[in-house]
Structures are given as C-alpha cells and as structure tokens.
Full PDB file with SEQRES, HELIX, SHEET, SSBOND, CRYST1, ORIGX, SCALE, CONECT and MASTER records, all heavy atoms in Angstrom:
SEQRES   1 A   36  VAL PHE MET THR TYR LEU ASN THR LEU ASP LYS ALA GLY          
SEQRES   2 A   36  THR GLU PHE TYR HIS GLN ASP LEU THR THR PRO CYS ILE          
SEQRES   3 A   36  LYS GLY LEU THR LEU ILE TRP PRO SER ALA                      
SHEET    1 AA1 2 PHE A   2  THR A   4  0                                        
SHEET    2 AA1 2 THR A  30  ILE A  32 -1                                        
SHEET    1 AA2 2 LEU A   9  PHE A  16  0                                        
SHEET    2 AA2 2 LEU A  21  CYS A  25 -1                                        
CRYST1    1.000    1.000    1.000  90.00  90.00  90.00 P 1           1          
ORIGX1      1.000000  0.000000  0.000000        0.00000                         
ORIGX2      0.000000  1.000000  0.000000        0.00000                         
ORIGX3      0.000000  0.000000  1.000000        0.00000                         
SCALE1      1.000000  0.000000  0.000000        0.00000                         
SCALE2      0.000000  1.000000  0.000000        0.00000                         
SCALE3      0.000000  0.000000  1.000000        0.00000                         
ATOM      1  N   VAL A   1      55.355 -27.959  34.983  1.00  0.00           N  
ATOM      2  CA  VAL A   1      56.548 -27.151  34.414  1.00  0.00           C  
ATOM      3  C   VAL A   1      56.872 -27.926  33.067  1.00  0.00           C  
ATOM      4  O   VAL A   1      56.786 -29.134  32.945  1.00  0.00           O  
ATOM      5  CB  VAL A   1      57.763 -27.374  35.340  1.00  0.00           C  
ATOM      6  CG1 VAL A   1      58.866 -26.523  34.870  1.00  0.00           C  
ATOM      7  CG2 VAL A   1      57.431 -27.147  36.731  1.00  0.00           C  
ATOM      8  N   PHE A   2      57.256 -27.062  32.070  1.00  0.00           N  
ATOM      9  CA  PHE A   2      57.946 -27.633  30.869  1.00  0.00           C  
ATOM     10  C   PHE A   2      59.308 -27.108  30.655  1.00  0.00           C  
ATOM     11  O   PHE A   2      59.575 -25.929  31.004  1.00  0.00           O  
ATOM     12  CB  PHE A   2      56.973 -27.499  29.638  1.00  0.00           C  
ATOM     13  CG  PHE A   2      56.856 -26.091  29.183  1.00  0.00           C  
ATOM     14  CD1 PHE A   2      57.824 -25.549  28.328  1.00  0.00           C  
ATOM     15  CD2 PHE A   2      55.882 -25.249  29.662  1.00  0.00           C  
ATOM     16  CE1 PHE A   2      57.657 -24.216  27.947  1.00  0.00           C  
ATOM     17  CE2 PHE A   2      55.750 -23.946  29.322  1.00  0.00           C  
ATOM     18  CZ  PHE A   2      56.664 -23.415  28.373  1.00  0.00           C  
ATOM     19  N   MET A   3      60.083 -27.808  29.912  1.00  0.00           N  
ATOM     20  CA  MET A   3      61.424 -27.271  29.548  1.00  0.00           C  
ATOM     21  C   MET A   3      61.861 -28.205  28.324  1.00  0.00           C  
ATOM     22  O   MET A   3      61.688 -29.348  28.320  1.00  0.00           O  
ATOM     23  CB  MET A   3      62.377 -27.574  30.647  1.00  0.00           C  
ATOM     24  CG  MET A   3      63.804 -27.121  30.219  1.00  0.00           C  
ATOM     25  SD  MET A   3      65.017 -27.332  31.709  1.00  0.00           S  
ATOM     26  CE  MET A   3      64.985 -29.111  31.867  1.00  0.00           C  
ATOM     27  N   THR A   4      62.366 -27.454  27.385  1.00  0.00           N  
ATOM     28  CA  THR A   4      62.903 -28.142  26.133  1.00  0.00           C  
ATOM     29  C   THR A   4      64.471 -27.713  26.041  1.00  0.00           C  
ATOM     30  O   THR A   4      64.708 -26.546  26.181  1.00  0.00           O  
ATOM     31  CB  THR A   4      62.170 -27.740  24.917  1.00  0.00           C  
ATOM     32  OG1 THR A   4      60.847 -28.093  25.018  1.00  0.00           O  
ATOM     33  CG2 THR A   4      62.797 -28.409  23.604  1.00  0.00           C  
ATOM     34  N   TYR A   5      65.281 -28.624  25.822  1.00  0.00           N  
ATOM     35  CA  TYR A   5      66.730 -28.432  25.601  1.00  0.00           C  
ATOM     36  C   TYR A   5      66.835 -28.032  24.189  1.00  0.00           C  
ATOM     37  O   TYR A   5      66.370 -28.786  23.242  1.00  0.00           O  
ATOM     38  CB  TYR A   5      67.528 -29.659  25.909  1.00  0.00           C  
ATOM     39  CG  TYR A   5      67.603 -30.083  27.328  1.00  0.00           C  
ATOM     40  CD1 TYR A   5      66.811 -31.280  27.732  1.00  0.00           C  
ATOM     41  CD2 TYR A   5      68.167 -29.385  28.338  1.00  0.00           C  
ATOM     42  CE1 TYR A   5      66.865 -31.641  29.106  1.00  0.00           C  
ATOM     43  CE2 TYR A   5      68.148 -29.743  29.717  1.00  0.00           C  
ATOM     44  CZ  TYR A   5      67.487 -30.955  30.066  1.00  0.00           C  
ATOM     45  OH  TYR A   5      67.452 -31.310  31.281  1.00  0.00           O  
ATOM     46  N   LEU A   6      67.406 -27.025  23.910  1.00  0.00           N  
ATOM     47  CA  LEU A   6      67.560 -26.455  22.574  1.00  0.00           C  
ATOM     48  C   LEU A   6      68.976 -26.812  21.833  1.00  0.00           C  
ATOM     49  O   LEU A   6      69.149 -26.460  20.732  1.00  0.00           O  
ATOM     50  CB  LEU A   6      67.412 -24.936  22.538  1.00  0.00           C  
ATOM     51  CG  LEU A   6      66.036 -24.430  23.019  1.00  0.00           C  
ATOM     52  CD1 LEU A   6      65.838 -22.988  22.988  1.00  0.00           C  
ATOM     53  CD2 LEU A   6      64.814 -25.089  22.262  1.00  0.00           C  
ATOM     54  N   ASN A   7      69.838 -27.386  22.675  1.00  0.00           N  
ATOM     55  CA  ASN A   7      70.953 -27.926  22.025  1.00  0.00           C  
ATOM     56  C   ASN A   7      71.414 -29.100  22.921  1.00  0.00           C  
ATOM     57  O   ASN A   7      71.052 -29.291  23.950  1.00  0.00           O  
ATOM     58  CB  ASN A   7      72.187 -26.864  22.088  1.00  0.00           C  
ATOM     59  CG  ASN A   7      72.555 -26.305  23.280  1.00  0.00           C  
ATOM     60  OD1 ASN A   7      71.713 -26.112  24.307  1.00  0.00           O  
ATOM     61  ND2 ASN A   7      73.783 -25.837  23.503  1.00  0.00           N  
ATOM     62  N   THR A   8      72.373 -29.903  22.417  1.00  0.00           N  
ATOM     63  CA  THR A   8      72.896 -31.038  23.028  1.00  0.00           C  
ATOM     64  C   THR A   8      74.230 -30.828  23.637  1.00  0.00           C  
ATOM     65  O   THR A   8      75.018 -30.344  22.999  1.00  0.00           O  
ATOM     66  CB  THR A   8      72.995 -32.256  21.968  1.00  0.00           C  
ATOM     67  OG1 THR A   8      71.633 -32.593  21.410  1.00  0.00           O  
ATOM     68  CG2 THR A   8      73.486 -33.521  22.561  1.00  0.00           C  
ATOM     69  N   LEU A   9      74.308 -31.173  24.777  1.00  0.00           N  
ATOM     70  CA  LEU A   9      75.574 -31.031  25.704  1.00  0.00           C  
ATOM     71  C   LEU A   9      75.797 -32.225  26.604  1.00  0.00           C  
ATOM     72  O   LEU A   9      74.827 -32.622  27.246  1.00  0.00           O  
ATOM     73  CB  LEU A   9      75.545 -29.710  26.415  1.00  0.00           C  
ATOM     74  CG  LEU A   9      75.650 -28.349  25.685  1.00  0.00           C  
ATOM     75  CD1 LEU A   9      75.497 -27.207  26.725  1.00  0.00           C  
ATOM     76  CD2 LEU A   9      76.946 -28.243  24.921  1.00  0.00           C  
ATOM     77  N   ASP A  10      76.991 -32.612  26.641  1.00  0.00           N  
ATOM     78  CA  ASP A  10      77.306 -33.518  27.853  1.00  0.00           C  
ATOM     79  C   ASP A  10      77.419 -32.722  29.154  1.00  0.00           C  
ATOM     80  O   ASP A  10      77.628 -31.412  29.149  1.00  0.00           O  
ATOM     81  CB  ASP A  10      78.689 -34.084  27.706  1.00  0.00           C  
ATOM     82  CG  ASP A  10      78.627 -35.203  26.567  1.00  0.00           C  
ATOM     83  OD1 ASP A  10      77.549 -35.802  26.262  1.00  0.00           O  
ATOM     84  OD2 ASP A  10      79.717 -35.366  25.779  1.00  0.00           O  
ATOM     85  N   LYS A  11      77.117 -33.271  30.316  1.00  0.00           N  
ATOM     86  CA  LYS A  11      77.266 -32.618  31.551  1.00  0.00           C  
ATOM     87  C   LYS A  11      76.449 -31.226  31.639  1.00  0.00           C  
ATOM     88  O   LYS A  11      76.955 -30.237  31.940  1.00  0.00           O  
ATOM     89  CB  LYS A  11      78.646 -32.377  31.937  1.00  0.00           C  
ATOM     90  CG  LYS A  11      79.475 -33.651  31.982  1.00  0.00           C  
ATOM     91  CD  LYS A  11      80.939 -33.311  32.350  1.00  0.00           C  
ATOM     92  CE  LYS A  11      81.776 -34.526  32.152  1.00  0.00           C  
ATOM     93  NZ  LYS A  11      83.279 -34.093  31.963  1.00  0.00           N  
ATOM     94  N   ALA A  12      75.243 -31.313  31.216  1.00  0.00           N  
ATOM     95  CA  ALA A  12      74.393 -30.060  31.253  1.00  0.00           C  
ATOM     96  C   ALA A  12      72.942 -30.405  31.387  1.00  0.00           C  
ATOM     97  O   ALA A  12      72.081 -29.523  31.040  1.00  0.00           O  
ATOM     98  CB  ALA A  12      74.575 -29.374  29.886  1.00  0.00           C  
ATOM     99  N   GLY A  13      72.592 -31.427  31.840  1.00  0.00           N  
ATOM    100  CA  GLY A  13      71.066 -31.806  32.054  1.00  0.00           C  
ATOM    101  C   GLY A  13      70.451 -31.149  33.339  1.00  0.00           C  
ATOM    102  O   GLY A  13      70.913 -30.015  33.653  1.00  0.00           O  
ATOM    103  N   THR A  14      69.619 -31.848  33.943  1.00  0.00           N  
ATOM    104  CA  THR A  14      68.864 -31.287  35.017  1.00  0.00           C  
ATOM    105  C   THR A  14      68.841 -32.453  36.046  1.00  0.00           C  
ATOM    106  O   THR A  14      68.474 -33.562  35.820  1.00  0.00           O  
ATOM    107  CB  THR A  14      67.443 -30.975  34.720  1.00  0.00           C  
ATOM    108  OG1 THR A  14      67.490 -29.962  33.682  1.00  0.00           O  
ATOM    109  CG2 THR A  14      66.648 -30.397  35.930  1.00  0.00           C  
ATOM    110  N   GLU A  15      69.173 -32.071  37.309  1.00  0.00           N  
ATOM    111  CA  GLU A  15      69.140 -33.132  38.474  1.00  0.00           C  
ATOM    112  C   GLU A  15      67.882 -32.917  39.257  1.00  0.00           C  
ATOM    113  O   GLU A  15      67.431 -31.822  39.538  1.00  0.00           O  
ATOM    114  CB  GLU A  15      70.282 -32.839  39.351  1.00  0.00           C  
ATOM    115  CG  GLU A  15      71.702 -33.124  38.953  1.00  0.00           C  
ATOM    116  CD  GLU A  15      72.667 -32.774  40.113  1.00  0.00           C  
ATOM    117  OE1 GLU A  15      72.826 -33.716  40.959  1.00  0.00           O  
ATOM    118  OE2 GLU A  15      73.024 -31.692  40.096  1.00  0.00           O  
ATOM    119  N   PHE A  16      67.290 -34.111  39.382  1.00  0.00           N  
ATOM    120  CA  PHE A  16      66.019 -34.240  40.254  1.00  0.00           C  
ATOM    121  C   PHE A  16      66.317 -34.778  41.569  1.00  0.00           C  
ATOM    122  O   PHE A  16      66.747 -36.013  41.560  1.00  0.00           O  
ATOM    123  CB  PHE A  16      64.781 -34.925  39.525  1.00  0.00           C  
ATOM    124  CG  PHE A  16      64.330 -34.006  38.355  1.00  0.00           C  
ATOM    125  CD1 PHE A  16      64.801 -34.121  37.106  1.00  0.00           C  
ATOM    126  CD2 PHE A  16      63.250 -33.202  38.655  1.00  0.00           C  
ATOM    127  CE1 PHE A  16      64.299 -33.313  36.066  1.00  0.00           C  
ATOM    128  CE2 PHE A  16      62.610 -32.430  37.573  1.00  0.00           C  
ATOM    129  CZ  PHE A  16      63.234 -32.466  36.331  1.00  0.00           C  
ATOM    130  N   TYR A  17      66.149 -34.109  42.671  1.00  0.00           N  
ATOM    131  CA  TYR A  17      66.631 -34.614  43.956  1.00  0.00           C  
ATOM    132  C   TYR A  17      65.955 -35.822  44.420  1.00  0.00           C  
ATOM    133  O   TYR A  17      66.636 -36.870  44.759  1.00  0.00           O  
ATOM    134  CB  TYR A  17      66.476 -33.365  44.992  1.00  0.00           C  
ATOM    135  CG  TYR A  17      66.974 -33.716  46.327  1.00  0.00           C  
ATOM    136  CD1 TYR A  17      68.341 -33.573  46.705  1.00  0.00           C  
ATOM    137  CD2 TYR A  17      66.119 -34.176  47.358  1.00  0.00           C  
ATOM    138  CE1 TYR A  17      68.812 -33.849  47.943  1.00  0.00           C  
ATOM    139  CE2 TYR A  17      66.588 -34.571  48.561  1.00  0.00           C  
ATOM    140  CZ  TYR A  17      67.948 -34.341  48.880  1.00  0.00           C  
ATOM    141  OH  TYR A  17      68.390 -34.621  50.121  1.00  0.00           O  
ATOM    142  N   HIS A  18      64.566 -35.808  44.634  1.00  0.00           N  
ATOM    143  CA  HIS A  18      63.967 -36.974  45.166  1.00  0.00           C  
ATOM    144  C   HIS A  18      63.827 -38.149  44.246  1.00  0.00           C  
ATOM    145  O   HIS A  18      63.678 -39.252  44.605  1.00  0.00           O  
ATOM    146  CB  HIS A  18      62.437 -36.560  45.565  1.00  0.00           C  
ATOM    147  CG  HIS A  18      62.484 -35.471  46.713  1.00  0.00           C  
ATOM    148  ND1 HIS A  18      62.832 -35.929  47.931  1.00  0.00           N  
ATOM    149  CD2 HIS A  18      62.234 -34.187  46.743  1.00  0.00           C  
ATOM    150  CE1 HIS A  18      62.764 -34.829  48.763  1.00  0.00           C  
ATOM    151  NE2 HIS A  18      62.360 -33.768  47.977  1.00  0.00           N  
ATOM    152  N   GLN A  19      63.877 -37.836  42.879  1.00  0.00           N  
ATOM    153  CA  GLN A  19      63.969 -39.000  41.983  1.00  0.00           C  
ATOM    154  C   GLN A  19      65.260 -39.652  41.745  1.00  0.00           C  
ATOM    155  O   GLN A  19      65.373 -40.614  40.992  1.00  0.00           O  
ATOM    156  CB  GLN A  19      63.346 -38.498  40.635  1.00  0.00           C  
ATOM    157  CG  GLN A  19      61.856 -38.067  40.628  1.00  0.00           C  
ATOM    158  CD  GLN A  19      61.525 -36.855  41.518  1.00  0.00           C  
ATOM    159  OE1 GLN A  19      62.374 -35.968  41.642  1.00  0.00           O  
ATOM    160  NE2 GLN A  19      60.236 -36.689  41.830  1.00  0.00           N  
ATOM    161  N   ASP A  20      66.315 -39.013  42.359  1.00  0.00           N  
ATOM    162  CA  ASP A  20      67.686 -39.473  42.097  1.00  0.00           C  
ATOM    163  C   ASP A  20      67.903 -39.716  40.618  1.00  0.00           C  
ATOM    164  O   ASP A  20      68.322 -40.791  40.175  1.00  0.00           O  
ATOM    165  CB  ASP A  20      67.860 -40.845  42.850  1.00  0.00           C  
ATOM    166  CG  ASP A  20      69.375 -41.096  43.010  1.00  0.00           C  
ATOM    167  OD1 ASP A  20      70.255 -40.174  42.927  1.00  0.00           O  
ATOM    168  OD2 ASP A  20      69.733 -42.271  43.193  1.00  0.00           O  
ATOM    169  N   LEU A  21      67.644 -38.651  39.879  1.00  0.00           N  
ATOM    170  CA  LEU A  21      67.706 -38.695  38.441  1.00  0.00           C  
ATOM    171  C   LEU A  21      68.260 -37.428  37.839  1.00  0.00           C  
ATOM    172  O   LEU A  21      68.012 -36.307  38.337  1.00  0.00           O  
ATOM    173  CB  LEU A  21      66.210 -38.801  37.858  1.00  0.00           C  
ATOM    174  CG  LEU A  21      65.968 -38.694  36.376  1.00  0.00           C  
ATOM    175  CD1 LEU A  21      66.472 -39.949  35.687  1.00  0.00           C  
ATOM    176  CD2 LEU A  21      64.431 -38.501  36.171  1.00  0.00           C  
ATOM    177  N   THR A  22      69.124 -37.785  36.811  1.00  0.00           N  
ATOM    178  CA  THR A  22      69.581 -36.567  35.995  1.00  0.00           C  
ATOM    179  C   THR A  22      69.204 -36.888  34.597  1.00  0.00           C  
ATOM    180  O   THR A  22      69.551 -37.800  33.875  1.00  0.00           O  
ATOM    181  CB  THR A  22      71.204 -36.558  36.158  1.00  0.00           C  
ATOM    182  OG1 THR A  22      71.552 -36.338  37.444  1.00  0.00           O  
ATOM    183  CG2 THR A  22      71.665 -35.378  35.196  1.00  0.00           C  
ATOM    184  N   THR A  23      68.472 -35.868  34.017  1.00  0.00           N  
ATOM    185  CA  THR A  23      67.980 -35.924  32.706  1.00  0.00           C  
ATOM    186  C   THR A  23      69.144 -35.415  31.724  1.00  0.00           C  
ATOM    187  O   THR A  23      69.857 -34.523  32.081  1.00  0.00           O  
ATOM    188  CB  THR A  23      66.703 -35.078  32.405  1.00  0.00           C  
ATOM    189  OG1 THR A  23      67.010 -33.715  32.696  1.00  0.00           O  
ATOM    190  CG2 THR A  23      65.623 -35.516  33.328  1.00  0.00           C  
ATOM    191  N   PRO A  24      69.193 -36.069  30.592  1.00  0.00           N  
ATOM    192  CA  PRO A  24      70.308 -35.610  29.595  1.00  0.00           C  
ATOM    193  C   PRO A  24      69.831 -34.329  28.939  1.00  0.00           C  
ATOM    194  O   PRO A  24      68.667 -34.102  28.569  1.00  0.00           O  
ATOM    195  CB  PRO A  24      70.380 -36.776  28.628  1.00  0.00           C  
ATOM    196  CG  PRO A  24      68.929 -37.370  28.649  1.00  0.00           C  
ATOM    197  CD  PRO A  24      68.402 -37.186  29.996  1.00  0.00           C  
ATOM    198  N   CYS A  25      70.811 -33.552  28.523  1.00  0.00           N  
ATOM    199  CA  CYS A  25      70.609 -32.393  27.680  1.00  0.00           C  
ATOM    200  C   CYS A  25      70.742 -32.736  26.286  1.00  0.00           C  
ATOM    201  O   CYS A  25      71.859 -32.697  25.636  1.00  0.00           O  
ATOM    202  CB  CYS A  25      71.692 -31.291  28.119  1.00  0.00           C  
ATOM    203  SG  CYS A  25      71.458 -29.757  27.268  1.00  0.00           S  
ATOM    204  N   ILE A  26      69.582 -33.108  25.662  1.00  0.00           N  
ATOM    205  CA  ILE A  26      69.491 -33.496  24.286  1.00  0.00           C  
ATOM    206  C   ILE A  26      68.649 -32.597  23.447  1.00  0.00           C  
ATOM    207  O   ILE A  26      67.491 -32.362  23.855  1.00  0.00           O  
ATOM    208  CB  ILE A  26      69.045 -35.019  24.148  1.00  0.00           C  
ATOM    209  CG1 ILE A  26      70.028 -36.014  24.896  1.00  0.00           C  
ATOM    210  CG2 ILE A  26      68.947 -35.433  22.606  1.00  0.00           C  
ATOM    211  CD1 ILE A  26      69.514 -37.385  24.987  1.00  0.00           C  
ATOM    212  N   LYS A  27      69.133 -32.063  22.364  1.00  0.00           N  
ATOM    213  CA  LYS A  27      68.274 -31.098  21.577  1.00  0.00           C  
ATOM    214  C   LYS A  27      66.955 -31.731  21.299  1.00  0.00           C  
ATOM    215  O   LYS A  27      66.828 -32.868  20.811  1.00  0.00           O  
ATOM    216  CB  LYS A  27      69.048 -30.781  20.293  1.00  0.00           C  
ATOM    217  CG  LYS A  27      68.252 -29.727  19.525  1.00  0.00           C  
ATOM    218  CD  LYS A  27      68.795 -29.620  18.049  1.00  0.00           C  
ATOM    219  CE  LYS A  27      69.986 -28.664  17.995  1.00  0.00           C  
ATOM    220  NZ  LYS A  27      70.450 -28.345  16.619  1.00  0.00           N  
ATOM    221  N   GLY A  28      65.900 -30.936  21.603  1.00  0.00           N  
ATOM    222  CA  GLY A  28      64.463 -31.415  21.291  1.00  0.00           C  
ATOM    223  C   GLY A  28      63.823 -32.155  22.484  1.00  0.00           C  
ATOM    224  O   GLY A  28      62.606 -32.306  22.445  1.00  0.00           O  
ATOM    225  N   LEU A  29      64.643 -32.660  23.424  1.00  0.00           N  
ATOM    226  CA  LEU A  29      63.969 -33.347  24.526  1.00  0.00           C  
ATOM    227  C   LEU A  29      63.086 -32.409  25.394  1.00  0.00           C  
ATOM    228  O   LEU A  29      63.645 -31.367  25.920  1.00  0.00           O  
ATOM    229  CB  LEU A  29      65.013 -33.975  25.466  1.00  0.00           C  
ATOM    230  CG  LEU A  29      64.427 -34.735  26.698  1.00  0.00           C  
ATOM    231  CD1 LEU A  29      63.413 -35.850  26.338  1.00  0.00           C  
ATOM    232  CD2 LEU A  29      65.668 -35.334  27.432  1.00  0.00           C  
ATOM    233  N   THR A  30      61.880 -32.635  25.451  1.00  0.00           N  
ATOM    234  CA  THR A  30      60.860 -31.714  26.090  1.00  0.00           C  
ATOM    235  C   THR A  30      60.480 -32.452  27.362  1.00  0.00           C  
ATOM    236  O   THR A  30      59.814 -33.575  27.210  1.00  0.00           O  
ATOM    237  CB  THR A  30      59.713 -31.370  25.249  1.00  0.00           C  
ATOM    238  OG1 THR A  30      60.295 -30.707  24.045  1.00  0.00           O  
ATOM    239  CG2 THR A  30      58.743 -30.459  25.926  1.00  0.00           C  
ATOM    240  N   LEU A  31      60.633 -32.036  28.516  1.00  0.00           N  
ATOM    241  CA  LEU A  31      60.273 -32.473  29.806  1.00  0.00           C  
ATOM    242  C   LEU A  31      59.117 -31.845  30.344  1.00  0.00           C  
ATOM    243  O   LEU A  31      58.908 -30.533  30.157  1.00  0.00           O  
ATOM    244  CB  LEU A  31      61.471 -32.402  30.792  1.00  0.00           C  
ATOM    245  CG  LEU A  31      62.818 -32.846  30.421  1.00  0.00           C  
ATOM    246  CD1 LEU A  31      63.788 -32.633  31.498  1.00  0.00           C  
ATOM    247  CD2 LEU A  31      62.709 -34.374  30.200  1.00  0.00           C  
ATOM    248  N   ILE A  32      58.201 -32.595  30.980  1.00  0.00           N  
ATOM    249  CA  ILE A  32      57.040 -32.025  31.720  1.00  0.00           C  
ATOM    250  C   ILE A  32      57.049 -32.826  33.064  1.00  0.00           C  
ATOM    251  O   ILE A  32      57.242 -33.889  33.079  1.00  0.00           O  
ATOM    252  CB  ILE A  32      55.719 -32.228  30.992  1.00  0.00           C  
ATOM    253  CG1 ILE A  32      55.719 -31.553  29.690  1.00  0.00           C  
ATOM    254  CG2 ILE A  32      54.535 -31.737  31.870  1.00  0.00           C  
ATOM    255  CD1 ILE A  32      54.540 -31.732  28.712  1.00  0.00           C  
ATOM    256  N   TRP A  33      56.857 -31.891  34.148  1.00  0.00           N  
ATOM    257  CA  TRP A  33      56.744 -32.583  35.517  1.00  0.00           C  
ATOM    258  C   TRP A  33      55.976 -31.671  36.460  1.00  0.00           C  
ATOM    259  O   TRP A  33      55.749 -30.532  36.150  1.00  0.00           O  
ATOM    260  CB  TRP A  33      58.234 -32.771  35.975  1.00  0.00           C  
ATOM    261  CG  TRP A  33      58.966 -31.549  36.360  1.00  0.00           C  
ATOM    262  CD1 TRP A  33      58.969 -30.870  37.611  1.00  0.00           C  
ATOM    263  CD2 TRP A  33      59.911 -30.832  35.570  1.00  0.00           C  
ATOM    264  NE1 TRP A  33      59.852 -29.792  37.583  1.00  0.00           N  
ATOM    265  CE2 TRP A  33      60.405 -29.755  36.271  1.00  0.00           C  
ATOM    266  CE3 TRP A  33      60.379 -30.880  34.258  1.00  0.00           C  
ATOM    267  CZ2 TRP A  33      61.320 -28.785  35.847  1.00  0.00           C  
ATOM    268  CZ3 TRP A  33      61.287 -30.070  33.703  1.00  0.00           C  
ATOM    269  CH2 TRP A  33      61.753 -28.950  34.482  1.00  0.00           C  
ATOM    270  N   PRO A  34      55.581 -32.185  37.628  1.00  0.00           N  
ATOM    271  CA  PRO A  34      54.783 -31.397  38.546  1.00  0.00           C  
ATOM    272  C   PRO A  34      55.641 -30.294  39.072  1.00  0.00           C  
ATOM    273  O   PRO A  34      56.834 -30.486  39.292  1.00  0.00           O  
ATOM    274  CB  PRO A  34      54.436 -32.454  39.598  1.00  0.00           C  
ATOM    275  CG  PRO A  34      54.518 -33.742  38.940  1.00  0.00           C  
ATOM    276  CD  PRO A  34      55.605 -33.569  38.050  1.00  0.00           C  
ATOM    277  N   SER A  35      54.994 -29.153  39.519  1.00  0.00           N  
ATOM    278  CA  SER A  35      55.719 -27.969  39.937  1.00  0.00           C  
ATOM    279  C   SER A  35      56.059 -28.028  41.457  1.00  0.00           C  
ATOM    280  O   SER A  35      56.828 -27.135  41.925  1.00  0.00           O  
ATOM    281  CB  SER A  35      54.933 -26.804  39.685  1.00  0.00           C  
ATOM    282  OG  SER A  35      53.613 -26.762  40.389  1.00  0.00           O  
ATOM    283  N   ALA A  36      55.553 -29.015  42.155  1.00  0.00           N  
ATOM    284  CA  ALA A  36      55.575 -28.942  43.638  1.00  0.00           C  
ATOM    285  C   ALA A  36      57.038 -29.428  44.178  1.00  0.00           C  
ATOM    286  O   ALA A  36      57.920 -29.823  43.373  1.00  0.00           O  
ATOM    287  CB  ALA A  36      54.652 -29.886  44.288  1.00  0.00           C  
TER     288      ALA A  36                                                      
MASTER        0    0    0    0    4    0    0    6  287    1    0    3          
END                                                                             
C-alpha cells in the first residue's frame, strides 16, 4: 500500500494497530507498507 499526505495537520495521521504506531500527517510524507 502507498499513501502520501498532501497537507499537514495535527491529529490527522494514521493509526497502525499491531505496530502501536500513529504516523504524523505531514505534507509530502509518503508511506509504504504491506497490505495484509
């Protein structure tokens, strides 16, 4: 999967359940991760 945030916002990232991680919503940040 890929996703790029197109604007910067507080409290607007993505939560990953098993990784116990919330990615920040920062303009230009492009994430890639497994689809499973």
